[in-house]
PDB file of N, CA and C in Angstrom:
ATOM      1  N   MET A   1     239.210 291.708  91.997  1.00  0.00           N
ATOM      2  CA  MET A   1     238.908 290.298  92.057  1.00  0.00           C
ATOM      3  C   MET A   1     240.194 289.491  92.272  1.00  0.00           C
ATOM      4  N   GLU A   2     240.044 288.449  93.026  1.00  0.00           N
ATOM      5  CA  GLU A   2     241.165 287.569  93.299  1.00  0.00           C
ATOM      6  C   GLU A   2     240.809 286.177  92.793  1.00  0.00           C
ATOM      7  N   LYS A   3     241.805 285.441  92.338  1.00  0.00           N
ATOM      8  CA  LYS A   3     241.589 284.071  91.894  1.00  0.00           C
ATOM      9  C   LYS A   3     242.075 283.145  93.000  1.00  0.00           C
ATOM     10  N   LEU A   4     241.148 282.384  93.580  1.00  0.00           N
ATOM     11  CA  LEU A   4     241.470 281.464  94.662  1.00  0.00           C
ATOM     12  C   LEU A   4     241.352 280.035  94.159  1.00  0.00           C
ATOM     13  N   THR A   5     242.177 279.135  94.692  1.00  0.00           N
ATOM     14  CA  THR A   5     242.076 277.725  94.330  1.00  0.00           C
ATOM     15  C   THR A   5     241.878 276.886  95.579  1.00  0.00           C
ATOM     16  N   PHE A   6     241.093 275.827  95.409  1.00  0.00           N
ATOM     17  CA  PHE A   6     240.746 274.940  96.518  1.00  0.00           C
ATOM     18  C   PHE A   6     240.811 273.495  96.066  1.00  0.00           C
ATOM     19  N   LYS A   7     241.226 272.612  96.966  1.00  0.00           N
ATOM     20  CA  LYS A   7     241.062 271.179  96.758  1.00  0.00           C
ATOM     21  C   LYS A   7     239.656 270.845  97.250  1.00  0.00           C
ATOM     22  N   THR A   8     238.917 270.058  96.470  1.00  0.00           N
ATOM     23  CA  THR A   8     237.539 269.752  96.857  1.00  0.00           C
ATOM     24  C   THR A   8     237.252 268.259  96.751  1.00  0.00           C
ATOM     25  N   ASN A   9     236.052 267.885  97.190  1.00  0.00           N
ATOM     26  CA  ASN A   9     235.560 266.528  96.965  1.00  0.00           C
ATOM     27  C   ASN A   9     234.414 266.559  95.951  1.00  0.00           C
ATOM     28  N   ILE A  10     234.439 267.540  95.053  1.00  0.00           N
ATOM     29  CA  ILE A  10     233.464 267.665  93.967  1.00  0.00           C
ATOM     30  C   ILE A  10     234.003 266.821  92.819  1.00  0.00           C
ATOM     31  N   LYS A  11     233.388 265.640  92.598  1.00  0.00           N
ATOM     32  CA  LYS A  11     233.988 264.641  91.727  1.00  0.00           C
ATOM     33  C   LYS A  11     233.392 264.536  90.329  1.00  0.00           C
ATOM     34  N   CYS A  12     232.163 265.019  90.121  1.00  0.00           N
ATOM     35  CA  CYS A  12     231.496 264.729  88.844  1.00  0.00           C
ATOM     36  C   CYS A  12     230.524 265.838  88.465  1.00  0.00           C
ATOM     37  N   GLY A  13     229.898 265.680  87.320  1.00  0.00           N
ATOM     38  CA  GLY A  13     228.927 266.665  86.853  1.00  0.00           C
ATOM     39  C   GLY A  13     227.738 266.801  87.783  1.00  0.00           C
ATOM     40  N   GLY A  14     227.335 265.711  88.413  1.00  0.00           N
ATOM     41  CA  GLY A  14     226.233 265.766  89.376  1.00  0.00           C
ATOM     42  C   GLY A  14     226.593 266.605  90.590  1.00  0.00           C
ATOM     43  N   CYS A  15     227.828 266.458  91.039  1.00  0.00           N
ATOM     44  CA  CYS A  15     228.315 267.261  92.171  1.00  0.00           C
ATOM     45  C   CYS A  15     228.336 268.743  91.783  1.00  0.00           C
ATOM     46  N   ILE A  16     228.817 269.016  90.581  1.00  0.00           N
ATOM     47  CA  ILE A  16     228.884 270.398  90.104  1.00  0.00           C
ATOM     48  C   ILE A  16     227.472 270.987  90.033  1.00  0.00           C
ATOM     49  N   ALA A  17     226.510 270.197  89.558  1.00  0.00           N
ATOM     50  CA  ALA A  17     225.128 270.670  89.473  1.00  0.00           C
ATOM     51  C   ALA A  17     224.562 270.986  90.854  1.00  0.00           C
ATOM     52  N   THR A  18     224.980 270.256  91.864  1.00  0.00           N
ATOM     53  CA  THR A  18     224.520 270.502  93.238  1.00  0.00           C
ATOM     54  C   THR A  18     225.121 271.785  93.802  1.00  0.00           C
ATOM     55  N   VAL A  19     226.390 272.032  93.522  1.00  0.00           N
ATOM     56  CA  VAL A  19     227.101 273.199  94.060  1.00  0.00           C
ATOM     57  C   VAL A  19     226.737 274.481  93.300  1.00  0.00           C
ATOM     58  N   LYS A  20     226.433 274.345  92.022  1.00  0.00           N
ATOM     59  CA  LYS A  20     226.218 275.502  91.147  1.00  0.00           C
ATOM     60  C   LYS A  20     225.256 276.544  91.703  1.00  0.00           C
ATOM     61  N   PRO A  21     224.035 276.171  92.141  1.00  0.00           N
ATOM     62  CA  PRO A  21     223.132 277.233  92.628  1.00  0.00           C
ATOM     63  C   PRO A  21     223.657 277.964  93.862  1.00  0.00           C
ATOM     64  N   HIS A  22     224.422 277.274  94.688  1.00  0.00           N
ATOM     65  CA  HIS A  22     224.986 277.903  95.885  1.00  0.00           C
ATOM     66  C   HIS A  22     226.037 278.941  95.509  1.00  0.00           C
ATOM     67  N   LEU A  23     226.943 278.572  94.609  1.00  0.00           N
ATOM     68  CA  LEU A  23     228.010 279.491  94.205  1.00  0.00           C
ATOM     69  C   LEU A  23     227.472 280.643  93.363  1.00  0.00           C
ATOM     70  N   GLU A  24     226.517 280.346  92.495  1.00  0.00           N
ATOM     71  CA  GLU A  24     226.001 281.395  91.614  1.00  0.00           C
ATOM     72  C   GLU A  24     225.043 282.351  92.328  1.00  0.00           C
ATOM     73  N   ALA A  25     224.620 282.003  93.529  1.00  0.00           N
ATOM     74  CA  ALA A  25     223.760 282.889  94.315  1.00  0.00           C
ATOM     75  C   ALA A  25     224.568 283.971  95.030  1.00  0.00           C
ATOM     76  N   VAL A  26     225.891 283.857  95.009  1.00  0.00           N
ATOM     77  CA  VAL A  26     226.762 284.807  95.706  1.00  0.00           C
ATOM     78  C   VAL A  26     227.276 285.822  94.683  1.00  0.00           C
ATOM     79  N   PRO A  27     226.816 287.077  94.768  1.00  0.00           N
ATOM     80  CA  PRO A  27     227.208 288.080  93.773  1.00  0.00           C
ATOM     81  C   PRO A  27     228.712 288.345  93.705  1.00  0.00           C
ATOM     82  N   GLU A  28     229.424 288.126  94.806  1.00  0.00           N
ATOM     83  CA  GLU A  28     230.871 288.397  94.837  1.00  0.00           C
ATOM     84  C   GLU A  28     231.684 287.342  94.085  1.00  0.00           C
ATOM     85  N   ILE A  29     231.051 286.234  93.711  1.00  0.00           N
ATOM     86  CA  ILE A  29     231.728 285.203  92.922  1.00  0.00           C
ATOM     87  C   ILE A  29     231.381 285.456  91.462  1.00  0.00           C
ATOM     88  N   THR A  30     232.379 285.879  90.689  1.00  0.00           N
ATOM     89  CA  THR A  30     232.125 286.234  89.290  1.00  0.00           C
ATOM     90  C   THR A  30     232.335 285.064  88.339  1.00  0.00           C
ATOM     91  N   HIS A  31     233.189 284.107  88.722  1.00  0.00           N
ATOM     92  CA  HIS A  31     233.427 282.932  87.884  1.00  0.00           C
ATOM     93  C   HIS A  31     233.957 281.811  88.763  1.00  0.00           C
ATOM     94  N   TRP A  32     233.597 280.593  88.433  1.00  0.00           N
ATOM     95  CA  TRP A  32     234.138 279.439  89.155  1.00  0.00           C
ATOM     96  C   TRP A  32     234.133 278.238  88.226  1.00  0.00           C
ATOM     97  N   GLU A  33     235.019 277.311  88.487  1.00  0.00           N
ATOM     98  CA  GLU A  33     235.061 276.057  87.742  1.00  0.00           C
ATOM     99  C   GLU A  33     235.782 275.003  88.574  1.00  0.00           C
ATOM    100  N   VAL A  34     235.465 273.741  88.293  1.00  0.00           N
ATOM    101  CA  VAL A  34     236.098 272.632  88.986  1.00  0.00           C
ATOM    102  C   VAL A  34     236.745 271.729  87.934  1.00  0.00           C
ATOM    103  N   ASP A  35     238.015 271.433  88.139  1.00  0.00           N
ATOM    104  CA  ASP A  35     238.723 270.509  87.257  1.00  0.00           C
ATOM    105  C   ASP A  35     238.559 269.105  87.832  1.00  0.00           C
ATOM    106  N   THR A  36     237.529 268.393  87.366  1.00  0.00           N
ATOM    107  CA  THR A  36     237.264 267.048  87.883  1.00  0.00           C
ATOM    108  C   THR A  36     238.252 266.022  87.352  1.00  0.00           C
ATOM    109  N   ASN A  37     239.053 266.383  86.344  1.00  0.00           N
ATOM    110  CA  ASN A  37     240.087 265.480  85.836  1.00  0.00           C
ATOM    111  C   ASN A  37     241.337 265.495  86.707  1.00  0.00           C
ATOM    112  N   ASN A  38     241.520 266.556  87.484  1.00  0.00           N
ATOM    113  CA  ASN A  38     242.653 266.669  88.395  1.00  0.00           C
ATOM    114  C   ASN A  38     242.384 265.769  89.604  1.00  0.00           C
ATOM    115  N   PRO A  39     243.368 264.962  90.028  1.00  0.00           N
ATOM    116  CA  PRO A  39     243.143 264.090  91.191  1.00  0.00           C
ATOM    117  C   PRO A  39     242.710 264.838  92.455  1.00  0.00           C
ATOM    118  N   ASP A  40     243.109 266.113  92.581  1.00  0.00           N
ATOM    119  CA  ASP A  40     242.738 266.911  93.758  1.00  0.00           C
ATOM    120  C   ASP A  40     241.418 267.653  93.570  1.00  0.00           C
ATOM    121  N   LYS A  41     240.762 267.477  92.388  1.00  0.00           N
ATOM    122  CA  LYS A  41     239.465 268.123  92.096  1.00  0.00           C
ATOM    123  C   LYS A  41     239.545 269.622  92.398  1.00  0.00           C
ATOM    124  N   ILE A  42     240.458 270.295  91.723  1.00  0.00           N
ATOM    125  CA  ILE A  42     240.751 271.707  91.994  1.00  0.00           C
ATOM    126  C   ILE A  42     239.619 272.616  91.516  1.00  0.00           C
ATOM    127  N   MET A  43     239.126 273.435  92.435  1.00  0.00           N
ATOM    128  CA  MET A  43     238.114 274.439  92.122  1.00  0.00           C
ATOM    129  C   MET A  43     238.807 275.799  92.099  1.00  0.00           C
ATOM    130  N   THR A  44     238.594 276.541  91.025  1.00  0.00           N
ATOM    131  CA  THR A  44     239.133 277.892  90.894  1.00  0.00           C
ATOM    132  C   THR A  44     237.960 278.866  90.964  1.00  0.00           C
ATOM    133  N   VAL A  45     238.107 279.888  91.792  1.00  0.00           N
ATOM    134  CA  VAL A  45     237.034 280.857  92.015  1.00  0.00           C
ATOM    135  C   VAL A  45     237.587 282.263  91.858  1.00  0.00           C
ATOM    136  N   GLU A  46     236.926 283.076  91.036  1.00  0.00           N
ATOM    137  CA  GLU A  46     237.266 284.498  90.941  1.00  0.00           C
ATOM    138  C   GLU A  46     236.256 285.244  91.805  1.00  0.00           C
ATOM    139  N   THR A  47     236.762 285.924  92.818  1.00  0.00           N
ATOM    140  CA  THR A  47     235.866 286.521  93.812  1.00  0.00           C
ATOM    141  C   THR A  47     236.560 287.631  94.594  1.00  0.00           C
ATOM    142  N   SER A  48     235.751 288.428  95.256  1.00  0.00           N
ATOM    143  CA  SER A  48     236.284 289.408  96.199  1.00  0.00           C
ATOM    144  C   SER A  48     236.142 288.894  97.636  1.00  0.00           C
ATOM    145  N   LEU A  49     235.599 287.691  97.790  1.00  0.00           N
ATOM    146  CA  LEU A  49     235.450 287.097  99.119  1.00  0.00           C
ATOM    147  C   LEU A  49     236.777 286.547  99.617  1.00  0.00           C
ATOM    148  N   LYS A  50     236.836 286.301 100.921  1.00  0.00           N
ATOM    149  CA  LYS A  50     237.978 285.627 101.510  1.00  0.00           C
ATOM    150  C   LYS A  50     237.799 284.129 101.298  1.00  0.00           C
ATOM    151  N   ALA A  51     238.904 283.401 101.325  1.00  0.00           N
ATOM    152  CA  ALA A  51     238.867 281.949 101.111  1.00  0.00           C
ATOM    153  C   ALA A  51     237.898 281.272 102.082  1.00  0.00           C
ATOM    154  N   GLU A  52     237.887 281.704 103.333  1.00  0.00           N
ATOM    155  CA  GLU A  52     237.023 281.093 104.336  1.00  0.00           C
ATOM    156  C   GLU A  52     235.550 281.243 103.971  1.00  0.00           C
ATOM    157  N   GLU A  53     235.200 282.359 103.349  1.00  0.00           N
ATOM    158  CA  GLU A  53     233.808 282.597 102.962  1.00  0.00           C
ATOM    159  C   GLU A  53     233.396 281.676 101.809  1.00  0.00           C
ATOM    160  N   VAL A  54     234.304 281.455 100.882  1.00  0.00           N
ATOM    161  CA  VAL A  54     234.015 280.529  99.778  1.00  0.00           C
ATOM    162  C   VAL A  54     233.875 279.109 100.322  1.00  0.00           C
ATOM    163  N   ILE A  55     234.742 278.739 101.246  1.00  0.00           N
ATOM    164  CA  ILE A  55     234.687 277.408 101.865  1.00  0.00           C
ATOM    165  C   ILE A  55     233.329 277.200 102.533  1.00  0.00           C
ATOM    166  N   GLU A  56     232.806 278.219 103.191  1.00  0.00           N
ATOM    167  CA  GLU A  56     231.494 278.110 103.848  1.00  0.00           C
ATOM    168  C   GLU A  56     230.372 277.892 102.828  1.00  0.00           C
ATOM    169  N   VAL A  57     230.437 278.569 101.680  1.00  0.00           N
ATOM    170  CA  VAL A  57     229.416 278.391 100.637  1.00  0.00           C
ATOM    171  C   VAL A  57     229.442 276.947 100.134  1.00  0.00           C
ATOM    172  N   VAL A  58     230.637 276.431  99.899  1.00  0.00           N
ATOM    173  CA  VAL A  58     230.777 275.053  99.419  1.00  0.00           C
ATOM    174  C   VAL A  58     230.280 274.080 100.481  1.00  0.00           C
ATOM    175  N   LYS A  59     230.585 274.358 101.747  1.00  0.00           N
ATOM    176  CA  LYS A  59     230.144 273.498 102.844  1.00  0.00           C
ATOM    177  C   LYS A  59     228.618 273.454 102.939  1.00  0.00           C
ATOM    178  N   LYS A  60     227.964 274.601 102.740  1.00  0.00           N
ATOM    179  CA  LYS A  60     226.496 274.651 102.770  1.00  0.00           C
ATOM    180  C   LYS A  60     225.884 273.804 101.645  1.00  0.00           C
ATOM    181  N   ALA A  61     226.643 273.641 100.552  1.00  0.00           N
ATOM    182  CA  ALA A  61     226.176 272.825  99.430  1.00  0.00           C
ATOM    183  C   ALA A  61     226.422 271.329  99.705  1.00  0.00           C
ATOM    184  N   GLY A  62     227.115 271.032 100.798  1.00  0.00           N
ATOM    185  CA  GLY A  62     227.338 269.635 101.167  1.00  0.00           C
ATOM    186  C   GLY A  62     228.687 269.074 100.745  1.00  0.00           C
ATOM    187  N   TYR A  63     229.622 269.944 100.397  1.00  0.00           N
ATOM    188  CA  TYR A  63     230.941 269.500  99.948  1.00  0.00           C
ATOM    189  C   TYR A  63     232.032 270.155 100.763  1.00  0.00           C
ATOM    190  N   GLU A  64     233.257 269.664 100.588  1.00  0.00           N
ATOM    191  CA  GLU A  64     234.404 270.200 101.303  1.00  0.00           C
ATOM    192  C   GLU A  64     235.310 270.943 100.339  1.00  0.00           C
ATOM    193  N   ALA A  65     235.933 271.996 100.835  1.00  0.00           N
ATOM    194  CA  ALA A  65     236.940 272.729 100.068  1.00  0.00           C
ATOM    195  C   ALA A  65     238.057 273.124 101.030  1.00  0.00           C
ATOM    196  N   LEU A  66     239.268 272.908 100.603  1.00  0.00           N
ATOM    197  CA  LEU A  66     240.455 273.289 101.373  1.00  0.00           C
ATOM    198  C   LEU A  66     241.292 274.211 100.511  1.00  0.00           C
ATOM    199  N   LYS A  67     241.799 275.267 101.085  1.00  0.00           N
ATOM    200  CA  LYS A  67     242.633 276.223 100.340  1.00  0.00           C
ATOM    201  C   LYS A  67     243.839 275.474  99.778  1.00  0.00           C
ATOM    202  N   ALA A  68     244.016 275.566  98.468  1.00  0.00           N
ATOM    203  CA  ALA A  68     245.134 274.858  97.814  1.00  0.00           C
ATOM    204  C   ALA A  68     246.380 275.724  97.804  1.00  0.00           C
TER     205      ALA A  68
END
């Protein structure tokens, strides 16, 4: 497993609730969290996926993620 970090536009608990089913549906993602207190809204993901694959999952949920 690798720990990846991303800058996102996931700003609040409602945003997290929207993204949650998308991220939790991917078996290769074992843990994820978003620091909404950080100005860059940093999302940390433990996964065996490549960064681009995680970005696509977040994009399908309607949000943006950039490799931090």
